[in-house]
Amino acid sequence: MDAEDLTQEVFLRAYGAFERLRPDSNHRAWLYKIATNCAYTAMKSGHRRARLSAQSLDKAREVPADEGLSPYNQVVRDEELTILRRAIAVLPPKQEAALMLRYVQGLGYPEIAQALGCSEESARANVYQATRRLRREVEE
């Protein structure tokens, strides 16, 4: 299942469940919860692992080339990003999801907890552990 199929599945499920959503609900966290559940279902059913590839991460973040950097510094930055992407790819799925929700999507811990179906403390712990692992991997 590719990213487009998974995205379509998320929005189909959201459309089907929207009328059951309470008006005072956090719509953003609710949609992330559906997306997380769809990703976990895809991984469990034997589909290709739904992880961000380097290309999809670039598309999601649109990391522009910094025109002020020298060619050498651009190469160094690209190598650092490659190391970081590889380190993210080996995180456990829940830590990776928590990290992405926090630093790529900018969600707060209550929203991350709701999206991952865990407590706020668990969301904080997953982000902390992921960050700690990344630091360790990057330093090596």
Protein backbone atom coordinates (compact mmCIF):
# COMPACT_ATOMS: atom_id res chain seq x y z
CA MET A 1 0.00 0.00 0.00
CA ASP A 2 1.57 3.28 -1.01
CA ALA A 3 1.20 6.68 0.61
CA GLU A 4 -1.55 7.80 -1.77
CA ASP A 5 -3.66 4.72 -1.05
CA LEU A 6 -3.12 5.11 2.68
CA THR A 7 -4.07 8.79 2.52
CA GLN A 8 -7.23 7.93 0.61
CA GLU A 9 -8.10 5.29 3.22
CA VAL A 10 -7.62 7.82 6.04
CA PHE A 11 -9.97 10.35 4.45
CA LEU A 12 -12.56 7.71 3.57
CA ARG A 13 -12.63 6.55 7.19
CA ALA A 14 -12.78 10.13 8.43
CA TYR A 15 -15.65 10.94 6.07
CA GLY A 16 -17.56 7.88 7.24
CA ALA A 17 -17.06 8.68 10.92
CA PHE A 18 -17.41 12.47 10.84
CA GLU A 19 -21.08 12.51 11.84
CA ARG A 20 -20.21 10.61 15.05
CA LEU A 21 -17.58 13.17 16.07
CA ARG A 22 -18.57 15.36 18.99
CA PRO A 23 -18.62 19.10 18.20
CA ASP A 24 -16.19 19.89 21.03
CA SER A 25 -13.61 17.33 19.81
CA ASN A 26 -10.13 18.20 18.64
CA HIS A 27 -10.56 17.59 14.92
CA ARG A 28 -6.86 17.67 14.17
CA ALA A 29 -5.96 15.03 16.78
CA TRP A 30 -8.96 12.94 15.70
CA LEU A 31 -7.71 12.89 12.11
CA TYR A 32 -4.17 12.01 13.24
CA LYS A 33 -5.63 9.15 15.29
CA ILE A 34 -7.33 7.77 12.19
CA ALA A 35 -4.12 8.16 10.18
CA THR A 36 -2.09 6.41 12.87
CA ASN A 37 -4.56 3.53 13.05
CA CYS A 38 -4.51 3.15 9.25
CA ALA A 39 -0.71 3.11 9.23
CA TYR A 40 -0.58 0.48 11.98
CA THR A 41 -3.17 -1.63 10.14
CA ALA A 42 -1.14 -1.41 6.93
CA MET A 43 2.02 -2.47 8.75
CA LYS A 44 0.29 -5.37 10.52
CA SER A 45 -1.29 -6.70 7.35
CA GLY A 46 2.08 -7.26 5.75
CA HIS A 47 2.12 -4.28 3.44
CA ARG A 48 5.35 -2.49 2.81
CA ARG A 49 6.40 -0.69 5.96
CA ALA A 50 4.78 2.73 6.05
CA ARG A 51 7.87 4.69 6.92
CA LEU A 52 9.00 7.95 5.48
CA SER A 53 11.57 7.55 2.77
CA ALA A 54 14.12 10.25 2.21
CA GLN A 55 12.15 11.47 -0.82
CA SER A 56 8.80 11.62 0.98
CA LEU A 57 10.37 13.36 3.98
CA ASP A 58 11.85 15.97 1.64
CA LYS A 59 8.45 16.45 0.03
CA ALA A 60 6.74 16.73 3.40
CA ARG A 61 9.27 19.19 4.77
CA GLU A 62 10.38 20.72 1.45
CA VAL A 63 13.93 21.22 2.65
CA PRO A 64 15.15 23.93 0.29
CA ALA A 65 18.75 24.28 -0.74
CA ASP A 66 20.20 27.21 1.12
CA GLU A 67 21.58 29.51 -1.55
CA GLY A 68 23.78 31.21 1.06
CA LEU A 69 25.72 27.99 1.75
CA SER A 70 28.89 27.12 -0.07
CA PRO A 71 28.81 23.91 -2.13
CA TYR A 72 30.91 22.21 0.56
CA ASN A 73 28.51 23.25 3.33
CA GLN A 74 25.53 22.12 1.24
CA VAL A 75 27.12 18.67 0.89
CA VAL A 76 27.80 18.55 4.64
CA ARG A 77 24.18 19.53 5.38
CA ASP A 78 22.85 16.91 2.95
CA GLU A 79 25.02 14.23 4.60
CA GLU A 80 23.76 15.26 8.03
CA LEU A 81 20.15 15.03 6.82
CA THR A 82 20.83 11.57 5.39
CA ILE A 83 22.27 10.41 8.72
CA LEU A 84 19.25 11.83 10.54
CA ARG A 85 16.78 10.15 8.14
CA ARG A 86 18.51 6.79 8.61
CA ALA A 87 18.43 7.18 12.37
CA ILE A 88 14.70 8.02 12.26
CA ALA A 89 14.03 4.98 10.06
CA VAL A 90 15.28 2.56 12.74
CA LEU A 91 13.18 3.98 15.58
CA PRO A 92 10.33 1.83 16.89
CA PRO A 93 7.09 2.82 15.10
CA LYS A 94 5.48 4.52 18.11
CA GLN A 95 8.60 6.59 18.82
CA GLU A 96 8.90 7.55 15.17
CA ALA A 97 5.25 8.57 15.05
CA ALA A 98 5.51 10.59 18.27
CA LEU A 99 8.66 12.33 17.03
CA MET A 100 7.11 13.21 13.67
CA LEU A 101 3.89 14.44 15.24
CA ARG A 102 5.87 16.64 17.63
CA TYR A 103 8.60 18.09 15.43
CA VAL A 104 7.27 17.80 11.86
CA GLN A 105 3.57 18.42 12.50
CA GLY A 106 4.05 20.64 15.55
CA LEU A 107 1.47 18.90 17.74
CA GLY A 108 1.35 19.29 21.50
CA TYR A 109 1.61 16.31 23.84
CA PRO A 110 -2.16 16.07 24.47
CA GLU A 111 -2.78 15.83 20.70
CA ILE A 112 0.03 13.31 20.27
CA ALA A 113 -1.41 11.20 23.08
CA GLN A 114 -4.84 11.26 21.48
CA ALA A 115 -3.44 10.42 18.03
CA LEU A 116 -1.37 7.51 19.35
CA GLY A 117 -4.00 6.27 21.80
CA CYS A 118 -1.80 6.61 24.85
CA SER A 119 -1.42 8.83 27.89
CA GLU A 120 0.19 12.24 27.70
CA GLU A 121 3.06 10.90 29.82
CA SER A 122 3.59 8.07 27.35
CA ALA A 123 3.59 10.55 24.46
CA ARG A 124 6.25 12.62 26.25
CA ALA A 125 8.27 9.49 26.97
CA ASN A 126 8.14 8.37 23.34
CA VAL A 127 9.31 11.76 22.09
CA TYR A 128 12.05 11.85 24.74
CA GLN A 129 13.27 8.32 23.98
CA ALA A 130 13.23 8.98 20.23
CA THR A 131 15.18 12.22 20.66
CA ARG A 132 17.68 10.49 22.93
CA ARG A 133 18.19 7.65 20.46
CA LEU A 134 18.63 10.09 17.59
CA ARG A 135 21.26 12.05 19.48
CA ARG A 136 23.12 8.84 20.26
CA GLU A 137 22.95 7.66 16.63
CA VAL A 138 24.01 11.00 15.18
CA GLU A 139 26.92 11.37 17.59
CA GLU A 140 28.35 7.97 16.55
